[in-house]
Amino acid sequence: MPFLTLIPVHEILAQAYSSIAAEKLQKPNRRRLDINNPDTRHRLVMGIFGNLGANPRSDHNILFRVEQQPAKAPAFLIRSDIAPDPAKLTPNSQTRIIENTELQPKKVVAFRLSINAIRRHTKKINGEKIVEAIPVRADNYSENSNYGDLNYWLQQKLSPGLSDVSILNHQREVIHSSKDLKSNGKTIQIDLIDGVGIIEEVSALEDMLNKGIGRAKAYGCGLLTIKVLR
């Protein structure tokens, strides 16, 4: 029984800062709460579930994205197999059970997806294998798009759950982690895509809804939500 939780970003940040103050942590630790740091987003989201073991995100299918709501403050939209800890939620958080009882083949759906639209190529330099990450082109959504374009790439990602996929809106965000002596940091590209499609294989679509799509799921990518139109 999956759950969907909406929690305002500013509230969860304020709650985290209050916790920091209570623990009397030093000022440098506050920098880790930069909302444009992928590690911060991960910690804030996972923090509402408490201690769930060694692999909480994958074990409980926890997915999230930052939802930009019209005339409202940004919020984390979180999908999970388990309910969050009520004691860790903020005053204006909302949680409900997800019910997708209308999923039937050939139904038209609107969808929103946050995804890491990256192609990875392995090449050799001086005999060493190097993995190169190349962003998928995002400047052409037409049906006649070339192989390198976002619409074609997205159709492959959503198949066989959805067919006849068309992109209506697309936003690309790149966030960075703080760098320190032990790490070169990480950079995460998050593509937020609104579109429409037709349900083909219900079981495949349900699997994508539950487990997410693509890479970087721990940092705000992979969450697919849909609304049946007709």
Foldseek 3Di string as FASTA:
>chain_A
DKKKKKAFPVQLLVVVVVVCVVVVDDPVVNVQCPPLALVNVLCSQVVQAPDDDDDVCQVFVKFWAWDDDVVDGIIIIIMTNDDGDPVSGGPPMDMDHDDDPPDDFFFKKKKKFKAQQWDWDWDDDPNDIDIDIDHQADPDFDPPDDPRHDNNVVQVQCPPQWHPKGWDDKDKDKGWHDDDPVDPTDITIIMITIIMTGGHDNVSNVCQQRNFTHDPRSRRGGHMDMDGDD
